[in-house]
Amino acid sequence: MGCYDIDGGDFSGCTPLGWASHNGHEEVVKILLGWKEVYPDKPDNSGKTPLSHATLTGHEGVVKILLEREEANPDKPSNSGLIPLSLATRNGHERVVALLHSRKASIPSTI
């Protein structure tokens, strides 16, 4: 074994954790976070982290799991300057917004 990179990105820089977060696969997210090699806040080429992907797509369960990890920064902006709270707000994911507020995410000046 050891012939793969569990935290490596694809052509867009998105890691397995990023894709699992984007698609709302809670159990896969939990499994991947169990690997010490997986960094929960690793951005893809556009600067989106797994938390950004989960907030963008409104996957509340994945957001909860990621927010339990101190390494997951709810205030980390993507390359376009949008933070997870902005992504959730723009897409109308009210419950995700509430979760981010519970982690004391910053309120951006522009949403």
C-alpha atoms as a PDB file:
ATOM      1  CA  MET A   1       0.000   0.000   0.000  1.00  0.00           C
ATOM      2  CA  GLY A   2       1.179   3.575   0.280  1.00  0.00           C
ATOM      3  CA  CYS A   3       1.159   4.074  -3.505  1.00  0.00           C
ATOM      4  CA  TYR A   4      -1.462   6.826  -3.422  1.00  0.00           C
ATOM      5  CA  ASP A   5      -1.973  10.272  -1.934  1.00  0.00           C
ATOM      6  CA  ILE A   6      -5.244  10.279   0.030  1.00  0.00           C
ATOM      7  CA  ASP A   7      -5.045  14.087   0.231  1.00  0.00           C
ATOM      8  CA  GLY A   8      -3.981  14.690  -3.376  1.00  0.00           C
ATOM      9  CA  GLY A   9      -6.026  16.844  -5.673  1.00  0.00           C
ATOM     10  CA  ASP A  10      -7.380  16.138  -9.129  1.00  0.00           C
ATOM     11  CA  PHE A  11      -6.966  18.405 -12.197  1.00  0.00           C
ATOM     12  CA  SER A  12      -8.885  21.151 -10.347  1.00  0.00           C
ATOM     13  CA  GLY A  13      -6.975  20.617  -7.110  1.00  0.00           C
ATOM     14  CA  CYS A  14     -10.051  19.178  -5.397  1.00  0.00           C
ATOM     15  CA  THR A  15      -9.213  16.436  -2.924  1.00  0.00           C
ATOM     16  CA  PRO A  16     -11.322  13.381  -2.093  1.00  0.00           C
ATOM     17  CA  LEU A  17     -12.483  15.247   1.031  1.00  0.00           C
ATOM     18  CA  GLY A  18     -13.436  18.244  -1.105  1.00  0.00           C
ATOM     19  CA  TRP A  19     -15.507  16.089  -3.463  1.00  0.00           C
ATOM     20  CA  ALA A  20     -17.149  14.167  -0.609  1.00  0.00           C
ATOM     21  CA  SER A  21     -18.025  17.494   1.048  1.00  0.00           C
ATOM     22  CA  HIS A  22     -19.377  18.981  -2.181  1.00  0.00           C
ATOM     23  CA  ASN A  23     -21.601  15.961  -2.754  1.00  0.00           C
ATOM     24  CA  GLY A  24     -22.804  15.612   0.838  1.00  0.00           C
ATOM     25  CA  HIS A  25     -21.317  12.188   1.548  1.00  0.00           C
ATOM     26  CA  GLU A  26     -21.199  12.400   5.347  1.00  0.00           C
ATOM     27  CA  GLU A  27     -19.877   8.896   5.994  1.00  0.00           C
ATOM     28  CA  VAL A  28     -17.075   9.323   3.448  1.00  0.00           C
ATOM     29  CA  VAL A  29     -16.167  12.678   5.047  1.00  0.00           C
ATOM     30  CA  LYS A  30     -15.945  10.972   8.454  1.00  0.00           C
ATOM     31  CA  ILE A  31     -13.762   8.184   7.056  1.00  0.00           C
ATOM     32  CA  LEU A  32     -11.422  10.591   5.287  1.00  0.00           C
ATOM     33  CA  LEU A  33     -11.090  12.771   8.387  1.00  0.00           C
ATOM     34  CA  GLY A  34      -9.922   9.664  10.243  1.00  0.00           C
ATOM     35  CA  TRP A  35      -6.741   9.640   8.146  1.00  0.00           C
ATOM     36  CA  LYS A  36      -3.916  11.713   9.644  1.00  0.00           C
ATOM     37  CA  GLU A  37      -2.754  12.594   6.114  1.00  0.00           C
ATOM     38  CA  VAL A  38      -6.017  14.379   5.284  1.00  0.00           C
ATOM     39  CA  TYR A  39      -5.959  18.113   5.993  1.00  0.00           C
ATOM     40  CA  PRO A  40      -9.540  19.363   6.557  1.00  0.00           C
ATOM     41  CA  ASP A  41      -8.846  22.879   5.275  1.00  0.00           C
ATOM     42  CA  LYS A  42      -6.909  22.113   2.075  1.00  0.00           C
ATOM     43  CA  PRO A  43      -8.102  24.396  -0.736  1.00  0.00           C
ATOM     44  CA  ASP A  44      -8.552  23.436  -4.370  1.00  0.00           C
ATOM     45  CA  ASN A  45      -7.171  25.535  -7.245  1.00  0.00           C
ATOM     46  CA  SER A  46      -9.990  28.077  -6.826  1.00  0.00           C
ATOM     47  CA  GLY A  47      -9.269  28.410  -3.107  1.00  0.00           C
ATOM     48  CA  LYS A  48     -12.402  26.563  -1.984  1.00  0.00           C
ATOM     49  CA  THR A  49     -11.912  24.324   1.044  1.00  0.00           C
ATOM     50  CA  PRO A  50     -14.040  21.270   1.866  1.00  0.00           C
ATOM     51  CA  LEU A  51     -16.081  23.539   4.177  1.00  0.00           C
ATOM     52  CA  SER A  52     -16.590  25.993   1.303  1.00  0.00           C
ATOM     53  CA  HIS A  53     -17.827  23.170  -0.914  1.00  0.00           C
ATOM     54  CA  ALA A  54     -20.262  21.935   1.738  1.00  0.00           C
ATOM     55  CA  THR A  55     -21.637  25.430   2.412  1.00  0.00           C
ATOM     56  CA  LEU A  56     -21.951  26.181  -1.307  1.00  0.00           C
ATOM     57  CA  THR A  57     -24.078  23.096  -1.855  1.00  0.00           C
ATOM     58  CA  GLY A  58     -25.958  23.315   1.464  1.00  0.00           C
ATOM     59  CA  HIS A  59     -24.920  19.994   2.974  1.00  0.00           C
ATOM     60  CA  GLU A  60     -25.718  20.712   6.608  1.00  0.00           C
ATOM     61  CA  GLY A  61     -24.489  17.365   7.956  1.00  0.00           C
ATOM     62  CA  VAL A  62     -21.088  17.755   6.299  1.00  0.00           C
ATOM     63  CA  VAL A  63     -20.820  21.338   7.562  1.00  0.00           C
ATOM     64  CA  LYS A  64     -21.463  20.097  11.118  1.00  0.00           C
ATOM     65  CA  ILE A  65     -18.783  17.419  10.794  1.00  0.00           C
ATOM     66  CA  LEU A  66     -16.207  19.833   9.396  1.00  0.00           C
ATOM     67  CA  LEU A  67     -16.941  22.535  11.978  1.00  0.00           C
ATOM     68  CA  GLU A  68     -16.081  20.034  14.709  1.00  0.00           C
ATOM     69  CA  ARG A  69     -12.509  20.185  13.419  1.00  0.00           C
ATOM     70  CA  GLU A  70     -10.522  23.157  14.639  1.00  0.00           C
ATOM     71  CA  GLU A  71      -8.486  23.144  11.419  1.00  0.00           C
ATOM     72  CA  ALA A  72     -11.578  23.953   9.349  1.00  0.00           C
ATOM     73  CA  ASN A  73     -11.524  27.737   9.135  1.00  0.00           C
ATOM     74  CA  PRO A  74     -15.003  29.185   8.507  1.00  0.00           C
ATOM     75  CA  ASP A  75     -13.435  32.538   7.598  1.00  0.00           C
ATOM     76  CA  LYS A  76     -11.019  31.311   4.927  1.00  0.00           C
ATOM     77  CA  PRO A  77     -11.774  33.080   1.634  1.00  0.00           C
ATOM     78  CA  SER A  78     -11.625  31.468  -1.787  1.00  0.00           C
ATOM     79  CA  ASN A  79      -9.559  33.077  -4.544  1.00  0.00           C
ATOM     80  CA  SER A  80     -12.605  35.185  -5.411  1.00  0.00           C
ATOM     81  CA  GLY A  81     -12.753  36.460  -1.817  1.00  0.00           C
ATOM     82  CA  LEU A  82     -15.890  34.598  -0.753  1.00  0.00           C
ATOM     83  CA  ILE A  83     -15.937  32.916   2.651  1.00  0.00           C
ATOM     84  CA  PRO A  84     -18.160  29.933   3.487  1.00  0.00           C
ATOM     85  CA  LEU A  85     -20.770  32.201   5.107  1.00  0.00           C
ATOM     86  CA  SER A  86     -21.033  34.213   1.888  1.00  0.00           C
ATOM     87  CA  LEU A  87     -21.476  31.044  -0.151  1.00  0.00           C
ATOM     88  CA  ALA A  88     -24.209  29.726   2.134  1.00  0.00           C
ATOM     89  CA  THR A  89     -25.989  33.084   2.239  1.00  0.00           C
ATOM     90  CA  ARG A  90     -25.892  33.609  -1.533  1.00  0.00           C
ATOM     91  CA  ASN A  91     -27.409  30.179  -2.073  1.00  0.00           C
ATOM     92  CA  GLY A  92     -30.142  30.496   0.560  1.00  0.00           C
ATOM     93  CA  HIS A  93     -28.873  27.770   2.885  1.00  0.00           C
ATOM     94  CA  GLU A  94     -30.317  29.223   6.101  1.00  0.00           C
ATOM     95  CA  ARG A  95     -29.524  26.260   8.355  1.00  0.00           C
ATOM     96  CA  VAL A  96     -25.918  26.235   7.164  1.00  0.00           C
ATOM     97  CA  VAL A  97     -25.714  29.983   7.887  1.00  0.00           C
ATOM     98  CA  ALA A  98     -26.933  29.282  11.430  1.00  0.00           C
ATOM     99  CA  LEU A  99     -24.284  26.578  11.874  1.00  0.00           C
ATOM    100  CA  LEU A 100     -21.555  28.947  10.724  1.00  0.00           C
ATOM    101  CA  HIS A 101     -22.792  31.602  13.134  1.00  0.00           C
ATOM    102  CA  SER A 102     -22.624  29.047  15.950  1.00  0.00           C
ATOM    103  CA  ARG A 103     -18.903  28.677  15.160  1.00  0.00           C
ATOM    104  CA  LYS A 104     -18.653  32.484  15.226  1.00  0.00           C
ATOM    105  CA  ALA A 105     -17.828  32.888  11.555  1.00  0.00           C
ATOM    106  CA  SER A 106     -17.241  36.484  10.480  1.00  0.00           C
ATOM    107  CA  ILE A 107     -20.011  38.383   8.829  1.00  0.00           C
ATOM    108  CA  PRO A 108     -18.577  39.567   5.522  1.00  0.00           C
ATOM    109  CA  SER A 109     -18.947  43.190   4.425  1.00  0.00           C
ATOM    110  CA  THR A 110     -20.252  41.971   1.062  1.00  0.00           C
ATOM    111  CA  ILE A 111     -22.349  38.880   0.697  1.00  0.00           C
END
